[in-house]
Amino acid sequence: MRAVLQRVLKAKVSVAGEVVGQIDQGILAFVCAMDNEEPDLEWWAKRLTHLRCFPDDRGRMHRSLIDVGGHLLLVSQFTLADDGRKGLRPSFSRASDPHLANQQLTQLADRCRSYLTRVETGRFGADMQVEMINNGPVTLVIDHV
């Protein structure tokens, strides 16, 4: 799996004008299942919910989503599978089979719900519009099989 995390003041994802997921302070996570492999979903859930990317009283990144009572918005994004090392046209051949990816992202959201009071998602495979107010800005990229 690969993920791009954005620390946000708020974020929402819409499909055809309908809001399907929305959070206030927290993390907007764009997530891609890759290589048809079975990721360590517990590792991912802990990483997303326990990652210390929120400032403490001294402005240092020492607080997690759990510490700040934040929310998580998970959005599937197969385009993160692009390698980008050759050619000018993106290749998404490393993206997992859509059925498998959908299952894994659903399971990841469920595992994250065991740590957080609010976990929202986009709609898998849909043409989504994502709005957010990045806080910091803080953007992190995580790769882990």
N, C-alpha and C. Protein backbone atom coordinates (compact mmCIF):
# COMPACT_ATOMS: atom_id res chain seq x y z
N MET A 1 0.84 -1.18 0.00
CA MET A 1 0.00 0.00 0.00
C MET A 1 0.89 1.23 0.00
N ARG A 2 0.30 2.28 -0.47
CA ARG A 2 0.96 3.59 -0.47
C ARG A 2 -0.11 4.60 -0.05
N ALA A 3 0.31 5.61 0.71
CA ALA A 3 -0.63 6.64 1.14
C ALA A 3 0.02 8.01 1.14
N VAL A 4 -0.78 9.00 0.84
CA VAL A 4 -0.39 10.40 0.99
C VAL A 4 -1.34 10.99 2.03
N LEU A 5 -0.76 11.50 3.10
CA LEU A 5 -1.54 12.03 4.22
C LEU A 5 -1.45 13.55 4.23
N GLN A 6 -2.57 14.20 4.45
CA GLN A 6 -2.62 15.64 4.58
C GLN A 6 -3.24 15.95 5.95
N ARG A 7 -2.54 16.72 6.76
CA ARG A 7 -3.14 17.18 8.01
C ARG A 7 -4.08 18.31 7.64
N VAL A 8 -5.34 18.21 8.07
CA VAL A 8 -6.35 19.16 7.62
C VAL A 8 -7.13 19.78 8.78
N LEU A 9 -7.64 20.98 8.51
CA LEU A 9 -8.60 21.60 9.44
C LEU A 9 -9.99 21.07 9.15
N LYS A 10 -10.25 20.78 7.86
CA LYS A 10 -11.48 20.10 7.45
C LYS A 10 -11.29 19.59 6.04
N ALA A 11 -12.09 18.58 5.70
CA ALA A 11 -12.02 17.99 4.37
C ALA A 11 -13.35 17.31 4.06
N LYS A 12 -13.66 17.26 2.76
CA LYS A 12 -14.86 16.53 2.36
C LYS A 12 -14.66 15.97 0.96
N VAL A 13 -15.36 14.90 0.69
CA VAL A 13 -15.33 14.26 -0.62
C VAL A 13 -16.77 14.13 -1.10
N SER A 14 -16.96 14.51 -2.37
CA SER A 14 -18.30 14.48 -2.98
C SER A 14 -18.27 13.64 -4.24
N VAL A 15 -19.44 13.06 -4.55
CA VAL A 15 -19.64 12.33 -5.79
C VAL A 15 -20.92 12.85 -6.41
N ALA A 16 -20.83 13.37 -7.61
CA ALA A 16 -21.99 13.93 -8.34
C ALA A 16 -22.74 14.94 -7.48
N GLY A 17 -22.00 15.79 -6.77
CA GLY A 17 -22.61 16.84 -5.96
C GLY A 17 -23.08 16.41 -4.58
N GLU A 18 -23.01 15.12 -4.27
CA GLU A 18 -23.44 14.61 -2.97
C GLU A 18 -22.21 14.38 -2.08
N VAL A 19 -22.22 14.95 -0.88
CA VAL A 19 -21.12 14.73 0.07
C VAL A 19 -21.24 13.30 0.60
N VAL A 20 -20.16 12.52 0.40
CA VAL A 20 -20.17 11.13 0.86
C VAL A 20 -19.26 10.90 2.06
N GLY A 21 -18.38 11.86 2.36
CA GLY A 21 -17.51 11.78 3.52
C GLY A 21 -17.03 13.17 3.88
N GLN A 22 -16.98 13.45 5.19
CA GLN A 22 -16.62 14.80 5.63
C GLN A 22 -16.06 14.73 7.04
N ILE A 23 -14.97 15.48 7.29
CA ILE A 23 -14.38 15.54 8.63
C ILE A 23 -14.00 16.97 8.96
N ASP A 24 -13.81 17.19 10.26
CA ASP A 24 -13.21 18.43 10.72
C ASP A 24 -11.73 18.13 10.94
N GLN A 25 -11.10 18.69 11.97
CA GLN A 25 -9.67 18.50 12.18
C GLN A 25 -9.29 17.03 12.12
N GLY A 26 -8.23 16.75 11.34
CA GLY A 26 -7.77 15.38 11.27
C GLY A 26 -6.82 15.15 10.13
N ILE A 27 -6.95 13.95 9.55
CA ILE A 27 -6.09 13.55 8.44
C ILE A 27 -6.94 13.12 7.26
N LEU A 28 -6.62 13.67 6.11
CA LEU A 28 -7.16 13.21 4.83
C LEU A 28 -6.11 12.27 4.27
N ALA A 29 -6.46 11.00 4.09
CA ALA A 29 -5.51 9.99 3.62
C ALA A 29 -5.95 9.47 2.26
N PHE A 30 -5.11 9.72 1.25
CA PHE A 30 -5.31 9.13 -0.07
C PHE A 30 -4.56 7.81 -0.03
N VAL A 31 -5.25 6.69 -0.29
CA VAL A 31 -4.66 5.37 -0.10
C VAL A 31 -4.79 4.54 -1.36
N CYS A 32 -3.72 3.80 -1.69
CA CYS A 32 -3.70 2.94 -2.87
C CYS A 32 -3.23 1.54 -2.46
N ALA A 33 -4.06 0.54 -2.74
CA ALA A 33 -3.63 -0.86 -2.58
C ALA A 33 -2.82 -1.22 -3.82
N MET A 34 -1.70 -1.91 -3.61
CA MET A 34 -0.77 -2.15 -4.73
C MET A 34 -0.31 -3.60 -4.81
N ASP A 35 0.03 -3.99 -6.03
CA ASP A 35 0.69 -5.27 -6.33
C ASP A 35 -0.11 -6.50 -5.93
N ASN A 36 -1.42 -6.36 -5.76
CA ASN A 36 -2.29 -7.47 -5.38
C ASN A 36 -1.77 -8.22 -4.14
N GLU A 37 -1.05 -7.51 -3.29
CA GLU A 37 -0.51 -8.11 -2.08
C GLU A 37 -1.43 -7.84 -0.90
N GLU A 38 -1.33 -8.69 0.10
CA GLU A 38 -2.12 -8.53 1.31
C GLU A 38 -1.33 -7.63 2.26
N PRO A 39 -1.75 -6.38 2.43
CA PRO A 39 -1.01 -5.48 3.32
C PRO A 39 -1.26 -5.82 4.79
N ASP A 40 -0.38 -5.37 5.64
CA ASP A 40 -0.56 -5.51 7.08
C ASP A 40 -1.52 -4.42 7.52
N LEU A 41 -2.80 -4.72 7.50
CA LEU A 41 -3.82 -3.70 7.77
C LEU A 41 -3.75 -3.17 9.20
N GLU A 42 -3.34 -3.99 10.14
CA GLU A 42 -3.21 -3.50 11.52
C GLU A 42 -2.07 -2.48 11.60
N TRP A 43 -0.96 -2.74 10.90
CA TRP A 43 0.14 -1.77 10.85
C TRP A 43 -0.36 -0.46 10.28
N TRP A 44 -1.10 -0.53 9.17
CA TRP A 44 -1.63 0.69 8.53
C TRP A 44 -2.59 1.43 9.45
N ALA A 45 -3.48 0.71 10.10
CA ALA A 45 -4.45 1.35 11.00
C ALA A 45 -3.73 2.07 12.14
N LYS A 46 -2.74 1.41 12.72
CA LYS A 46 -1.99 2.05 13.80
C LYS A 46 -1.20 3.24 13.28
N ARG A 47 -0.60 3.12 12.10
CA ARG A 47 0.17 4.22 11.54
C ARG A 47 -0.72 5.44 11.32
N LEU A 48 -1.88 5.23 10.72
CA LEU A 48 -2.79 6.34 10.42
C LEU A 48 -3.34 6.99 11.69
N THR A 49 -3.63 6.21 12.69
CA THR A 49 -4.27 6.75 13.89
C THR A 49 -3.30 7.20 14.97
N HIS A 50 -2.09 6.65 14.96
CA HIS A 50 -1.12 6.95 16.00
C HIS A 50 0.04 7.85 15.53
N LEU A 51 0.09 8.14 14.23
CA LEU A 51 1.17 8.97 13.68
C LEU A 51 1.17 10.34 14.36
N ARG A 52 2.31 10.72 14.90
CA ARG A 52 2.40 11.99 15.64
C ARG A 52 2.74 13.13 14.68
N CYS A 53 1.70 13.70 14.09
CA CYS A 53 1.90 14.79 13.13
C CYS A 53 1.13 16.06 13.52
N PHE A 54 0.63 16.10 14.76
CA PHE A 54 -0.06 17.28 15.27
C PHE A 54 0.80 17.94 16.34
N PRO A 55 0.78 19.26 16.38
CA PRO A 55 1.68 19.96 17.31
C PRO A 55 1.23 19.87 18.77
N ASP A 56 2.23 19.84 19.65
CA ASP A 56 1.96 19.94 21.08
C ASP A 56 1.98 21.42 21.46
N ASP A 57 2.03 21.70 22.75
CA ASP A 57 2.01 23.10 23.22
C ASP A 57 3.23 23.90 22.77
N ARG A 58 4.32 23.22 22.44
CA ARG A 58 5.52 23.90 21.98
C ARG A 58 5.67 23.89 20.46
N GLY A 59 4.64 23.42 19.78
CA GLY A 59 4.66 23.43 18.32
C GLY A 59 5.37 22.25 17.69
N ARG A 60 5.77 21.29 18.49
CA ARG A 60 6.46 20.11 17.97
C ARG A 60 5.44 19.02 17.63
N MET A 61 5.73 18.26 16.60
CA MET A 61 4.82 17.19 16.18
C MET A 61 4.93 16.00 17.13
N HIS A 62 4.16 16.06 18.23
CA HIS A 62 4.19 15.01 19.24
C HIS A 62 2.80 14.42 19.51
N ARG A 63 1.78 14.86 18.78
CA ARG A 63 0.42 14.41 19.08
C ARG A 63 -0.18 13.69 17.88
N SER A 64 -0.96 12.66 18.16
CA SER A 64 -1.60 11.84 17.12
C SER A 64 -3.06 12.23 16.96
N LEU A 65 -3.72 11.62 15.99
CA LEU A 65 -5.17 11.81 15.83
C LEU A 65 -5.90 11.47 17.12
N ILE A 66 -5.48 10.41 17.76
CA ILE A 66 -6.11 10.00 19.01
C ILE A 66 -5.93 11.08 20.07
N ASP A 67 -4.72 11.62 20.17
CA ASP A 67 -4.41 12.64 21.18
C ASP A 67 -5.24 13.91 21.00
N VAL A 68 -5.47 14.30 19.74
CA VAL A 68 -6.18 15.56 19.47
C VAL A 68 -7.68 15.36 19.25
N GLY A 69 -8.15 14.11 19.33
CA GLY A 69 -9.56 13.84 19.08
C GLY A 69 -9.94 14.10 17.63
N GLY A 70 -8.98 13.87 16.73
CA GLY A 70 -9.20 14.16 15.31
C GLY A 70 -9.93 13.05 14.58
N HIS A 71 -10.26 13.35 13.34
CA HIS A 71 -11.00 12.44 12.48
C HIS A 71 -10.14 12.01 11.30
N LEU A 72 -10.57 10.95 10.63
CA LEU A 72 -9.84 10.42 9.48
C LEU A 72 -10.79 10.30 8.29
N LEU A 73 -10.35 10.80 7.14
CA LEU A 73 -11.08 10.64 5.88
C LEU A 73 -10.19 9.84 4.94
N LEU A 74 -10.61 8.60 4.64
CA LEU A 74 -9.87 7.72 3.73
C LEU A 74 -10.46 7.80 2.34
N VAL A 75 -9.61 8.08 1.36
CA VAL A 75 -10.05 8.20 -0.03
C VAL A 75 -9.18 7.28 -0.89
N SER A 76 -9.80 6.35 -1.58
CA SER A 76 -9.04 5.46 -2.46
C SER A 76 -8.52 6.26 -3.65
N GLN A 77 -7.26 5.99 -4.01
CA GLN A 77 -6.66 6.71 -5.13
C GLN A 77 -5.65 5.81 -5.83
N PHE A 78 -6.13 5.08 -6.86
CA PHE A 78 -5.27 4.14 -7.57
C PHE A 78 -4.13 4.83 -8.30
N THR A 79 -4.24 6.12 -8.57
CA THR A 79 -3.17 6.81 -9.30
C THR A 79 -1.88 6.90 -8.50
N LEU A 80 -1.93 6.63 -7.20
CA LEU A 80 -0.70 6.61 -6.40
C LEU A 80 0.19 5.43 -6.79
N ALA A 81 -0.33 4.49 -7.56
CA ALA A 81 0.46 3.34 -8.00
C ALA A 81 1.43 3.70 -9.11
N ASP A 82 1.34 4.89 -9.66
CA ASP A 82 2.23 5.28 -10.76
C ASP A 82 3.68 5.25 -10.31
N ASP A 83 4.52 4.70 -11.16
CA ASP A 83 5.96 4.65 -10.90
C ASP A 83 6.61 5.97 -11.29
N GLY A 84 6.34 6.46 -12.48
CA GLY A 84 6.82 7.77 -12.90
C GLY A 84 8.27 7.84 -13.33
N ARG A 85 8.98 6.73 -13.34
CA ARG A 85 10.40 6.78 -13.69
C ARG A 85 10.66 6.81 -15.19
N LYS A 86 9.71 6.34 -15.98
CA LYS A 86 9.96 6.38 -17.42
C LYS A 86 8.69 6.78 -18.15
N GLY A 87 8.88 7.43 -19.26
CA GLY A 87 7.75 7.87 -20.06
C GLY A 87 7.05 9.06 -19.47
N LEU A 88 6.14 9.62 -20.23
CA LEU A 88 5.40 10.80 -19.79
C LEU A 88 3.93 10.49 -19.52
N ARG A 89 3.56 9.24 -19.72
CA ARG A 89 2.18 8.84 -19.48
C ARG A 89 2.16 7.95 -18.24
N PRO A 90 1.34 8.28 -17.25
CA PRO A 90 1.32 7.48 -16.02
C PRO A 90 0.95 6.03 -16.29
N SER A 91 1.56 5.15 -15.52
CA SER A 91 1.25 3.72 -15.58
C SER A 91 0.72 3.29 -14.22
N PHE A 92 -0.42 2.65 -14.22
CA PHE A 92 -1.04 2.23 -12.96
C PHE A 92 -1.03 0.72 -12.82
N SER A 93 -0.09 0.06 -13.49
CA SER A 93 -0.05 -1.40 -13.51
C SER A 93 0.21 -2.00 -12.12
N ARG A 94 0.75 -1.23 -11.20
CA ARG A 94 1.00 -1.74 -9.85
C ARG A 94 -0.24 -1.66 -8.96
N ALA A 95 -1.28 -0.99 -9.40
CA ALA A 95 -2.51 -0.90 -8.60
C ALA A 95 -3.12 -2.29 -8.49
N SER A 96 -3.64 -2.61 -7.32
CA SER A 96 -4.28 -3.91 -7.11
C SER A 96 -5.56 -4.03 -7.91
N ASP A 97 -5.98 -5.27 -8.11
CA ASP A 97 -7.27 -5.54 -8.73
C ASP A 97 -8.34 -4.75 -7.96
N PRO A 98 -9.26 -4.07 -8.67
CA PRO A 98 -10.24 -3.23 -7.98
C PRO A 98 -11.05 -3.95 -6.90
N HIS A 99 -11.46 -5.18 -7.14
CA HIS A 99 -12.25 -5.91 -6.13
C HIS A 99 -11.43 -6.11 -4.85
N LEU A 100 -10.18 -6.53 -5.03
CA LEU A 100 -9.29 -6.75 -3.89
C LEU A 100 -9.00 -5.44 -3.17
N ALA A 101 -8.70 -4.39 -3.94
CA ALA A 101 -8.40 -3.09 -3.35
C ALA A 101 -9.58 -2.57 -2.53
N ASN A 102 -10.78 -2.70 -3.06
CA ASN A 102 -11.98 -2.25 -2.35
C ASN A 102 -12.13 -2.99 -1.02
N GLN A 103 -11.92 -4.29 -1.04
CA GLN A 103 -12.00 -5.08 0.20
C GLN A 103 -10.97 -4.60 1.22
N GLN A 104 -9.73 -4.40 0.75
CA GLN A 104 -8.67 -4.00 1.67
C GLN A 104 -8.93 -2.61 2.26
N LEU A 105 -9.39 -1.69 1.46
CA LEU A 105 -9.65 -0.34 1.98
C LEU A 105 -10.84 -0.33 2.93
N THR A 106 -11.84 -1.16 2.68
CA THR A 106 -12.97 -1.28 3.59
C THR A 106 -12.51 -1.85 4.93
N GLN A 107 -11.67 -2.88 4.86
CA GLN A 107 -11.14 -3.47 6.09
C GLN A 107 -10.25 -2.49 6.85
N LEU A 108 -9.48 -1.70 6.11
CA LEU A 108 -8.63 -0.69 6.76
C LEU A 108 -9.49 0.33 7.50
N ALA A 109 -10.54 0.81 6.86
CA ALA A 109 -11.44 1.77 7.51
C ALA A 109 -12.03 1.17 8.78
N ASP A 110 -12.45 -0.09 8.72
CA ASP A 110 -13.02 -0.76 9.90
C ASP A 110 -11.99 -0.86 11.03
N ARG A 111 -10.76 -1.19 10.69
CA ARG A 111 -9.71 -1.27 11.72
C ARG A 111 -9.44 0.10 12.34
N CYS A 112 -9.44 1.14 11.52
CA CYS A 112 -9.21 2.50 12.04
C CYS A 112 -10.34 2.91 12.98
N ARG A 113 -11.54 2.43 12.72
CA ARG A 113 -12.69 2.75 13.58
C ARG A 113 -12.53 2.17 14.98
N SER A 114 -11.68 1.17 15.13
CA SER A 114 -11.45 0.63 16.48
C SER A 114 -10.59 1.58 17.32
N TYR A 115 -9.96 2.56 16.67
CA TYR A 115 -9.11 3.53 17.38
C TYR A 115 -9.74 4.93 17.46
N LEU A 116 -10.56 5.28 16.49
CA LEU A 116 -11.08 6.64 16.39
C LEU A 116 -12.60 6.66 16.46
N THR A 117 -13.13 7.80 16.91
CA THR A 117 -14.58 7.93 16.97
C THR A 117 -15.20 8.22 15.62
N ARG A 118 -14.40 8.78 14.69
CA ARG A 118 -14.96 9.13 13.39
C ARG A 118 -13.98 8.82 12.26
N VAL A 119 -14.38 7.90 11.40
CA VAL A 119 -13.63 7.55 10.19
C VAL A 119 -14.62 7.61 9.04
N GLU A 120 -14.34 8.46 8.07
CA GLU A 120 -15.19 8.61 6.89
C GLU A 120 -14.42 8.09 5.68
N THR A 121 -15.14 7.81 4.61
CA THR A 121 -14.49 7.33 3.39
C THR A 121 -15.11 8.02 2.18
N GLY A 122 -14.38 7.92 1.09
CA GLY A 122 -14.93 8.33 -0.20
C GLY A 122 -15.74 7.16 -0.75
N ARG A 123 -16.00 7.17 -2.03
CA ARG A 123 -16.73 6.08 -2.67
C ARG A 123 -15.78 5.40 -3.67
N PHE A 124 -15.46 4.17 -3.41
CA PHE A 124 -14.49 3.45 -4.20
C PHE A 124 -14.89 3.44 -5.68
N GLY A 125 -13.94 3.76 -6.55
CA GLY A 125 -14.15 3.69 -7.99
C GLY A 125 -14.94 4.83 -8.59
N ALA A 126 -15.40 5.76 -7.77
CA ALA A 126 -16.21 6.87 -8.26
C ALA A 126 -15.33 8.04 -8.69
N ASP A 127 -15.89 8.92 -9.48
CA ASP A 127 -15.25 10.18 -9.83
C ASP A 127 -15.52 11.13 -8.67
N MET A 128 -14.52 11.32 -7.82
CA MET A 128 -14.71 12.07 -6.58
C MET A 128 -14.10 13.46 -6.69
N GLN A 129 -14.72 14.41 -6.01
CA GLN A 129 -14.17 15.74 -5.86
C GLN A 129 -13.82 15.90 -4.38
N VAL A 130 -12.57 16.26 -4.13
CA VAL A 130 -12.08 16.35 -2.76
C VAL A 130 -11.74 17.81 -2.46
N GLU A 131 -12.27 18.31 -1.36
CA GLU A 131 -11.95 19.65 -0.89
C GLU A 131 -11.32 19.53 0.49
N MET A 132 -10.33 20.39 0.75
CA MET A 132 -9.69 20.35 2.06
C MET A 132 -8.99 21.66 2.35
N ILE A 133 -8.81 21.89 3.62
CA ILE A 133 -7.96 22.99 4.08
C ILE A 133 -6.79 22.33 4.79
N ASN A 134 -5.63 22.33 4.11
CA ASN A 134 -4.43 21.72 4.65
C ASN A 134 -3.95 22.57 5.82
N ASN A 135 -3.53 21.92 6.88
CA ASN A 135 -3.09 22.60 8.08
C ASN A 135 -1.59 22.46 8.21
N GLY A 136 -0.86 23.53 8.01
CA GLY A 136 0.59 23.51 8.17
C GLY A 136 1.32 24.27 7.08
N PRO A 137 1.35 23.81 5.88
CA PRO A 137 0.84 22.53 5.39
C PRO A 137 1.71 21.36 5.86
N VAL A 138 1.05 20.26 6.16
CA VAL A 138 1.74 19.03 6.51
C VAL A 138 1.24 17.95 5.56
N THR A 139 2.18 17.38 4.79
CA THR A 139 1.88 16.31 3.84
C THR A 139 2.94 15.24 4.01
N LEU A 140 2.50 14.00 4.18
CA LEU A 140 3.43 12.88 4.40
C LEU A 140 3.11 11.76 3.41
N VAL A 141 4.14 11.08 2.94
CA VAL A 141 3.99 9.94 2.05
C VAL A 141 4.46 8.70 2.79
N ILE A 142 3.63 7.65 2.75
CA ILE A 142 3.97 6.40 3.44
C ILE A 142 3.86 5.25 2.45
N ASP A 143 4.92 4.46 2.36
CA ASP A 143 4.95 3.23 1.57
C ASP A 143 5.23 2.08 2.54
N HIS A 144 4.45 1.00 2.42
CA HIS A 144 4.69 -0.16 3.26
C HIS A 144 3.92 -1.33 2.68
N VAL A 145 4.59 -2.46 2.56
CA VAL A 145 3.91 -3.67 2.07
C VAL A 145 3.55 -4.52 3.26
